[in-house]
């Protein structure tokens, strides 16, 4: 089972979050680092699939719609994690770490996880 490799879109690519995750040995890349700034959400999801990364975004409406469409069209993606902008960096990091500890990259294929389901226990 492979570990989840994250891809933070433009909404979530906070340098403090990137640093916090990397300090905890998470393989994480931002759209800026991937030179994918200003690309469409579909392009981001396609790039993530090609590079075996799970998208992390605050853009719940659009990414959930794309996920639904792709499932209906039998198109694959590497997975999507959706959260709220109101979460602090610490909350995001802890919840992402819970997902990474609980699920493999294979588990995430064609799946959507909501950060809200991975809150403090």
C-alpha atoms as a PDB file:
ATOM      1  CA  UNK A   1       0.000   0.000   0.000  1.00  0.00           C
ATOM      2  CA  UNK A   2       1.377   3.377  -1.035  1.00  0.00           C
ATOM      3  CA  UNK A   3       1.330   6.470   1.127  1.00  0.00           C
ATOM      4  CA  UNK A   4      -0.849   9.370   0.069  1.00  0.00           C
ATOM      5  CA  UNK A   5       1.080  12.069  -1.773  1.00  0.00           C
ATOM      6  CA  UNK A   6      -0.659  15.448  -1.524  1.00  0.00           C
ATOM      7  CA  UNK A   7      -1.145  18.151  -4.131  1.00  0.00           C
ATOM      8  CA  UNK A   8      -2.299  21.486  -2.687  1.00  0.00           C
ATOM      9  CA  UNK A   9      -4.277  23.675  -5.062  1.00  0.00           C
ATOM     10  CA  UNK A  10      -4.041  27.470  -5.168  1.00  0.00           C
ATOM     11  CA  UNK A  11      -6.593  27.870  -2.365  1.00  0.00           C
ATOM     12  CA  UNK A  12      -4.747  25.619   0.096  1.00  0.00           C
ATOM     13  CA  UNK A  13      -1.080  26.178  -0.788  1.00  0.00           C
ATOM     14  CA  UNK A  14      -0.155  28.082   2.367  1.00  0.00           C
ATOM     15  CA  UNK A  15       3.617  28.030   2.961  1.00  0.00           C
ATOM     16  CA  UNK A  16       3.115  27.340   6.690  1.00  0.00           C
ATOM     17  CA  UNK A  17       0.973  24.292   5.904  1.00  0.00           C
ATOM     18  CA  UNK A  18       3.495  23.038   3.352  1.00  0.00           C
ATOM     19  CA  UNK A  19       6.301  23.425   5.905  1.00  0.00           C
ATOM     20  CA  UNK A  20       4.313  21.771   8.717  1.00  0.00           C
ATOM     21  CA  UNK A  21       3.454  18.771   6.543  1.00  0.00           C
ATOM     22  CA  UNK A  22       7.003  18.401   5.223  1.00  0.00           C
ATOM     23  CA  UNK A  23       8.397  18.501   8.772  1.00  0.00           C
ATOM     24  CA  UNK A  24       6.190  15.459   9.384  1.00  0.00           C
ATOM     25  CA  UNK A  25       7.563  13.656   6.320  1.00  0.00           C
ATOM     26  CA  UNK A  26       4.489  14.136   4.141  1.00  0.00           C
ATOM     27  CA  UNK A  27       5.155  14.130   0.402  1.00  0.00           C
ATOM     28  CA  UNK A  28       3.395  17.357  -0.564  1.00  0.00           C
ATOM     29  CA  UNK A  29       3.574  19.631  -3.593  1.00  0.00           C
ATOM     30  CA  UNK A  30       1.797  22.905  -4.348  1.00  0.00           C
ATOM     31  CA  UNK A  31       0.397  24.103  -7.655  1.00  0.00           C
ATOM     32  CA  UNK A  32       3.051  26.803  -7.649  1.00  0.00           C
ATOM     33  CA  UNK A  33       5.847  24.257  -7.311  1.00  0.00           C
ATOM     34  CA  UNK A  34       4.265  22.168 -10.074  1.00  0.00           C
ATOM     35  CA  UNK A  35       4.031  25.267 -12.297  1.00  0.00           C
ATOM     36  CA  UNK A  36       0.265  24.764 -12.564  1.00  0.00           C
ATOM     37  CA  UNK A  37      -0.924  28.162 -11.317  1.00  0.00           C
ATOM     38  CA  UNK A  38      -4.116  29.519 -12.929  1.00  0.00           C
ATOM     39  CA  UNK A  39      -5.002  26.179 -14.524  1.00  0.00           C
ATOM     40  CA  UNK A  40      -8.585  24.906 -14.387  1.00  0.00           C
ATOM     41  CA  UNK A  41      -9.726  22.551 -11.638  1.00  0.00           C
ATOM     42  CA  UNK A  42     -10.082  19.749 -14.200  1.00  0.00           C
ATOM     43  CA  UNK A  43      -6.502  20.334 -15.361  1.00  0.00           C
ATOM     44  CA  UNK A  44      -5.349  20.211 -11.728  1.00  0.00           C
ATOM     45  CA  UNK A  45      -7.160  16.911 -11.139  1.00  0.00           C
ATOM     46  CA  UNK A  46      -5.759  15.439 -14.358  1.00  0.00           C
ATOM     47  CA  UNK A  47      -2.220  16.549 -13.418  1.00  0.00           C
ATOM     48  CA  UNK A  48      -2.669  15.011  -9.955  1.00  0.00           C
ATOM     49  CA  UNK A  49      -3.724  11.696 -11.528  1.00  0.00           C
ATOM     50  CA  UNK A  50      -0.748  11.691 -13.897  1.00  0.00           C
ATOM     51  CA  UNK A  51       1.553  12.354 -10.930  1.00  0.00           C
ATOM     52  CA  UNK A  52      -0.220  10.040  -8.457  1.00  0.00           C
ATOM     53  CA  UNK A  53      -1.201  12.796  -6.037  1.00  0.00           C
ATOM     54  CA  UNK A  54      -4.354  13.463  -4.036  1.00  0.00           C
ATOM     55  CA  UNK A  55      -5.759  16.978  -4.489  1.00  0.00           C
ATOM     56  CA  UNK A  56      -6.391  19.028  -1.342  1.00  0.00           C
ATOM     57  CA  UNK A  57      -8.694  22.014  -1.902  1.00  0.00           C
ATOM     58  CA  UNK A  58     -11.150  24.398  -0.255  1.00  0.00           C
ATOM     59  CA  UNK A  59     -13.100  24.518  -3.534  1.00  0.00           C
ATOM     60  CA  UNK A  60     -15.762  22.070  -2.360  1.00  0.00           C
ATOM     61  CA  UNK A  61     -18.496  22.875  -4.863  1.00  0.00           C
ATOM     62  CA  UNK A  62     -16.391  22.664  -8.009  1.00  0.00           C
ATOM     63  CA  UNK A  63     -14.250  19.675  -7.083  1.00  0.00           C
ATOM     64  CA  UNK A  64     -17.235  17.665  -5.834  1.00  0.00           C
ATOM     65  CA  UNK A  65     -19.067  18.419  -9.098  1.00  0.00           C
ATOM     66  CA  UNK A  66     -16.029  17.353 -11.137  1.00  0.00           C
ATOM     67  CA  UNK A  67     -15.701  14.182  -9.038  1.00  0.00           C
ATOM     68  CA  UNK A  68     -19.364  13.311  -9.649  1.00  0.00           C
ATOM     69  CA  UNK A  69     -19.051  13.950 -13.388  1.00  0.00           C
ATOM     70  CA  UNK A  70     -15.863  11.914 -13.682  1.00  0.00           C
ATOM     71  CA  UNK A  71     -17.398   8.970 -11.789  1.00  0.00           C
ATOM     72  CA  UNK A  72     -20.419   9.045 -14.129  1.00  0.00           C
ATOM     73  CA  UNK A  73     -18.060   9.182 -17.138  1.00  0.00           C
ATOM     74  CA  UNK A  74     -15.945   6.355 -15.661  1.00  0.00           C
ATOM     75  CA  UNK A  75     -12.891   8.619 -15.542  1.00  0.00           C
ATOM     76  CA  UNK A  76     -10.362   8.011 -12.786  1.00  0.00           C
ATOM     77  CA  UNK A  77      -8.692  10.405 -10.389  1.00  0.00           C
ATOM     78  CA  UNK A  78      -6.220   9.893  -7.539  1.00  0.00           C
ATOM     79  CA  UNK A  79      -8.572  11.242  -4.880  1.00  0.00           C
ATOM     80  CA  UNK A  80      -9.721  14.564  -3.484  1.00  0.00           C
ATOM     81  CA  UNK A  81      -9.662  15.938   0.058  1.00  0.00           C
ATOM     82  CA  UNK A  82     -11.932  18.919   0.659  1.00  0.00           C
ATOM     83  CA  UNK A  83     -11.806  21.319   3.594  1.00  0.00           C
ATOM     84  CA  UNK A  84     -13.019  24.683   4.810  1.00  0.00           C
ATOM     85  CA  UNK A  85     -10.956  27.883   4.708  1.00  0.00           C
ATOM     86  CA  UNK A  86     -11.968  28.561   8.314  1.00  0.00           C
ATOM     87  CA  UNK A  87      -9.703  25.749   9.583  1.00  0.00           C
ATOM     88  CA  UNK A  88      -6.437  26.901  11.131  1.00  0.00           C
ATOM     89  CA  UNK A  89      -3.140  25.582   9.753  1.00  0.00           C
ATOM     90  CA  UNK A  90      -2.923  23.296  12.798  1.00  0.00           C
ATOM     91  CA  UNK A  91      -6.424  21.908  12.272  1.00  0.00           C
ATOM     92  CA  UNK A  92      -5.733  21.270   8.593  1.00  0.00           C
ATOM     93  CA  UNK A  93      -2.418  19.588   9.347  1.00  0.00           C
ATOM     94  CA  UNK A  94      -3.814  17.307  12.075  1.00  0.00           C
ATOM     95  CA  UNK A  95      -6.790  16.252   9.963  1.00  0.00           C
ATOM     96  CA  UNK A  96      -4.661  15.638   6.875  1.00  0.00           C
ATOM     97  CA  UNK A  97      -2.256  13.566   8.981  1.00  0.00           C
ATOM     98  CA  UNK A  98      -5.185  11.471  10.266  1.00  0.00           C
ATOM     99  CA  UNK A  99      -6.295  10.754   6.713  1.00  0.00           C
ATOM    100  CA  UNK A 100      -2.751   9.887   5.620  1.00  0.00           C
ATOM    101  CA  UNK A 101      -2.333   7.551   8.623  1.00  0.00           C
ATOM    102  CA  UNK A 102      -5.668   5.833   7.965  1.00  0.00           C
ATOM    103  CA  UNK A 103      -5.860   5.544   4.179  1.00  0.00           C
ATOM    104  CA  UNK A 104      -3.504   4.494   1.423  1.00  0.00           C
ATOM    105  CA  UNK A 105      -3.128   6.092  -1.983  1.00  0.00           C
ATOM    106  CA  UNK A 106      -5.030   3.101  -3.366  1.00  0.00           C
ATOM    107  CA  UNK A 107      -7.896   3.716  -0.900  1.00  0.00           C
ATOM    108  CA  UNK A 108      -8.208   7.291  -2.177  1.00  0.00           C
ATOM    109  CA  UNK A 109      -8.591   6.377  -5.859  1.00  0.00           C
ATOM    110  CA  UNK A 110     -11.808   7.977  -7.176  1.00  0.00           C
ATOM    111  CA  UNK A 111     -12.801   8.976  -3.627  1.00  0.00           C
ATOM    112  CA  UNK A 112     -13.600  12.262  -1.903  1.00  0.00           C
ATOM    113  CA  UNK A 113     -12.793  12.790   1.766  1.00  0.00           C
ATOM    114  CA  UNK A 114     -14.085  15.760   3.721  1.00  0.00           C
ATOM    115  CA  UNK A 115     -11.664  17.183   6.275  1.00  0.00           C
ATOM    116  CA  UNK A 116     -14.649  17.852   8.555  1.00  0.00           C
ATOM    117  CA  UNK A 117     -15.049  14.084   9.083  1.00  0.00           C
ATOM    118  CA  UNK A 118     -11.503  13.833  10.469  1.00  0.00           C
ATOM    119  CA  UNK A 119     -11.799  16.259  13.394  1.00  0.00           C
ATOM    120  CA  UNK A 120     -10.508  16.066  16.925  1.00  0.00           C
ATOM    121  CA  UNK A 121     -11.514  12.824  18.629  1.00  0.00           C
END
